[in-house]
Every structure is written in C-alpha cells, then in structure tokens.
Protein backbone atom coordinates (compact mmCIF):
# COMPACT_ATOMS: atom_id res chain seq x y z
CA MET A 1 62.27 171.88 -101.72
CA SER A 2 63.94 175.04 -100.31
CA ALA A 3 62.70 176.52 -97.29
CA ARG A 4 61.60 179.64 -99.04
CA ARG A 5 59.50 177.53 -101.52
CA THR A 6 57.98 175.61 -98.64
CA LEU A 7 57.01 178.85 -96.92
CA THR A 8 55.53 180.20 -100.21
CA ALA A 9 53.59 177.01 -100.70
CA LEU A 10 52.24 177.15 -97.06
CA VAL A 11 51.28 180.81 -97.28
CA THR A 12 49.46 179.93 -100.62
CA ALA A 13 47.61 176.95 -99.13
CA VAL A 14 46.60 178.73 -95.85
CA ALA A 15 45.20 181.81 -97.83
CA THR A 16 43.30 179.61 -100.18
CA VAL A 17 41.87 177.56 -97.41
CA ALA A 18 40.78 180.69 -95.43
CA ALA A 19 39.14 182.18 -98.59
CA LEU A 20 37.26 179.09 -99.36
CA THR A 21 36.20 178.74 -95.78
CA ALA A 22 34.76 182.34 -95.66
CA LEU A 23 33.39 182.70 -99.19
CA PRO A 24 29.56 182.57 -98.42
CA GLY A 25 29.31 185.73 -96.47
CA CYS A 26 32.27 187.80 -97.47
CA ALA A 27 31.56 188.82 -100.98
CA VAL A 28 28.82 191.21 -99.98
CA THR A 29 30.59 192.64 -96.79
CA ARG A 30 33.67 193.31 -98.90
CA GLY A 31 31.87 195.18 -101.59
CA GLN A 32 32.35 192.77 -104.51
CA SER A 33 29.40 192.08 -106.61
CA THR A 34 30.02 188.43 -107.00
CA VAL A 35 31.73 185.54 -105.11
CA GLY A 36 33.93 185.14 -108.16
CA ALA A 37 35.18 188.85 -107.70
CA TYR A 38 35.93 187.91 -104.08
CA ILE A 39 37.88 184.94 -105.14
CA ASP A 40 39.86 186.85 -107.75
CA ASP A 41 40.87 189.36 -105.09
CA VAL A 42 41.89 186.71 -102.76
CA SER A 43 44.01 185.07 -105.55
CA ILE A 44 45.68 188.43 -106.20
CA THR A 45 46.47 189.10 -102.57
CA THR A 46 47.87 185.55 -102.19
CA ALA A 47 49.96 185.91 -105.31
CA VAL A 48 51.41 189.25 -104.21
CA LYS A 49 52.20 187.95 -100.84
CA ALA A 50 53.92 184.83 -102.31
CA ARG A 51 55.93 187.07 -104.56
CA PHE A 52 57.09 189.03 -101.57
CA VAL A 53 58.05 185.94 -99.69
CA ASP A 54 60.31 184.90 -102.75
CA SER A 55 61.74 188.32 -103.14
CA MET A 56 64.99 189.24 -101.41
CA GLN A 57 64.16 193.01 -101.80
CA VAL A 58 61.30 193.07 -99.52
CA ASP A 59 60.22 192.03 -95.90
CA ALA A 60 57.06 190.25 -96.47
CA ALA A 61 56.22 190.16 -92.76
CA ALA A 62 56.20 193.90 -92.50
CA ILE A 63 53.91 194.59 -95.46
CA SER A 64 50.13 194.00 -95.38
CA VAL A 65 48.39 193.37 -98.72
CA GLU A 66 44.66 193.98 -99.29
CA THR A 67 42.78 193.67 -102.68
CA LEU A 68 39.39 195.09 -103.76
CA GLU A 69 38.30 194.85 -107.24
CA GLY A 70 41.79 194.29 -108.57
CA THR A 71 43.22 197.28 -106.76
CA VAL A 72 45.96 196.31 -104.33
CA MET A 73 46.75 198.39 -101.27
CA LEU A 74 50.04 197.91 -99.63
CA SER A 75 50.43 199.18 -95.94
CA GLY A 76 52.97 198.67 -93.23
CA PHE A 77 56.58 199.72 -93.01
CA ALA A 78 59.49 199.56 -95.45
CA LYS A 79 63.21 199.96 -94.38
CA SER A 80 64.02 202.23 -97.27
CA GLN A 81 62.51 203.83 -100.15
CA THR A 82 64.09 201.18 -102.28
CA GLU A 83 62.15 198.56 -100.49
CA ARG A 84 58.97 200.64 -100.84
CA ASP A 85 59.44 200.96 -104.55
CA ALA A 86 60.37 197.22 -105.00
CA ALA A 87 57.16 196.24 -103.19
CA GLU A 88 54.96 198.31 -105.33
CA SER A 89 56.83 197.02 -108.48
CA ILE A 90 56.34 193.51 -107.48
CA ALA A 91 52.61 194.16 -106.81
CA ARG A 92 52.14 195.90 -110.22
CA ALA A 93 53.90 192.99 -111.92
CA THR A 94 51.42 190.46 -110.52
CA LYS A 95 48.72 189.07 -112.75
CA GLY A 96 45.35 190.47 -112.31
CA VAL A 97 46.47 193.67 -110.50
CA ARG A 98 44.69 196.65 -112.03
CA ALA A 99 46.19 199.37 -109.70
CA VAL A 100 48.41 199.61 -106.64
CA ARG A 101 47.87 202.10 -103.78
CA ASN A 102 51.20 202.25 -101.99
CA GLN A 103 50.66 203.38 -98.28
CA LEU A 104 54.00 201.96 -97.09
CA LEU A 105 55.84 204.16 -94.61
CA VAL A 106 59.51 204.31 -94.71
CA ARG A 107 61.16 203.90 -91.29
CA GLY A 108 64.09 206.15 -90.92
C-alpha cells in the first residue's frame, strides 16, 4: 500500500472514530435535525478531505473542510487561484455535496 493511500485510510478512520465517539450530543449543537444528518455531514467532510489528500493539486493540510446539511465550507489558504479552484472542484464532485462555499484565501 502506498504512503498516500495509507494516509488516506488513516484520515478516514480517525474521522469516523471521532464522529462515532461524539455523536450523542453533537447533532443538536451543530444544527442538524437528526443524528443521521450529522453522520452524513461527517461522511462528506471525511470524503472531501480524503480526496484532497489523494490529489496532487491541493495541499490538504492547508485547507479546512466543514459540512453542514450537505453544504461544504472550505477555509484556509491556497498557494494560487488554480489550487483554490481545484479544491472547490474536488469538493463539488464529492458524493453528497449539495453546495460549496469557497472561503479559501490565495497567498500571494
């Protein structure tokens, strides 16, 4: 298994464990109407982050991903407009994503 795939698997596993550990109280505080909606949002966030790790176009460590009711918000810094656009494109292409709010700032 390549190092990149191992890292992707690790990110996915950690996010899943974190979500399952925090489920009882988070659904209400995050604004979702059900625990299922919270799980869906965590799954989308994890999938977007994993796709960033797999991509050679974006720096996954510099981009924060949050999801609420299927809307993904990207924040952090991109090295160029091309990286910013690539991150948005990757997020939009991820299963379950309804909308993307791209708040990435391009560092000049």
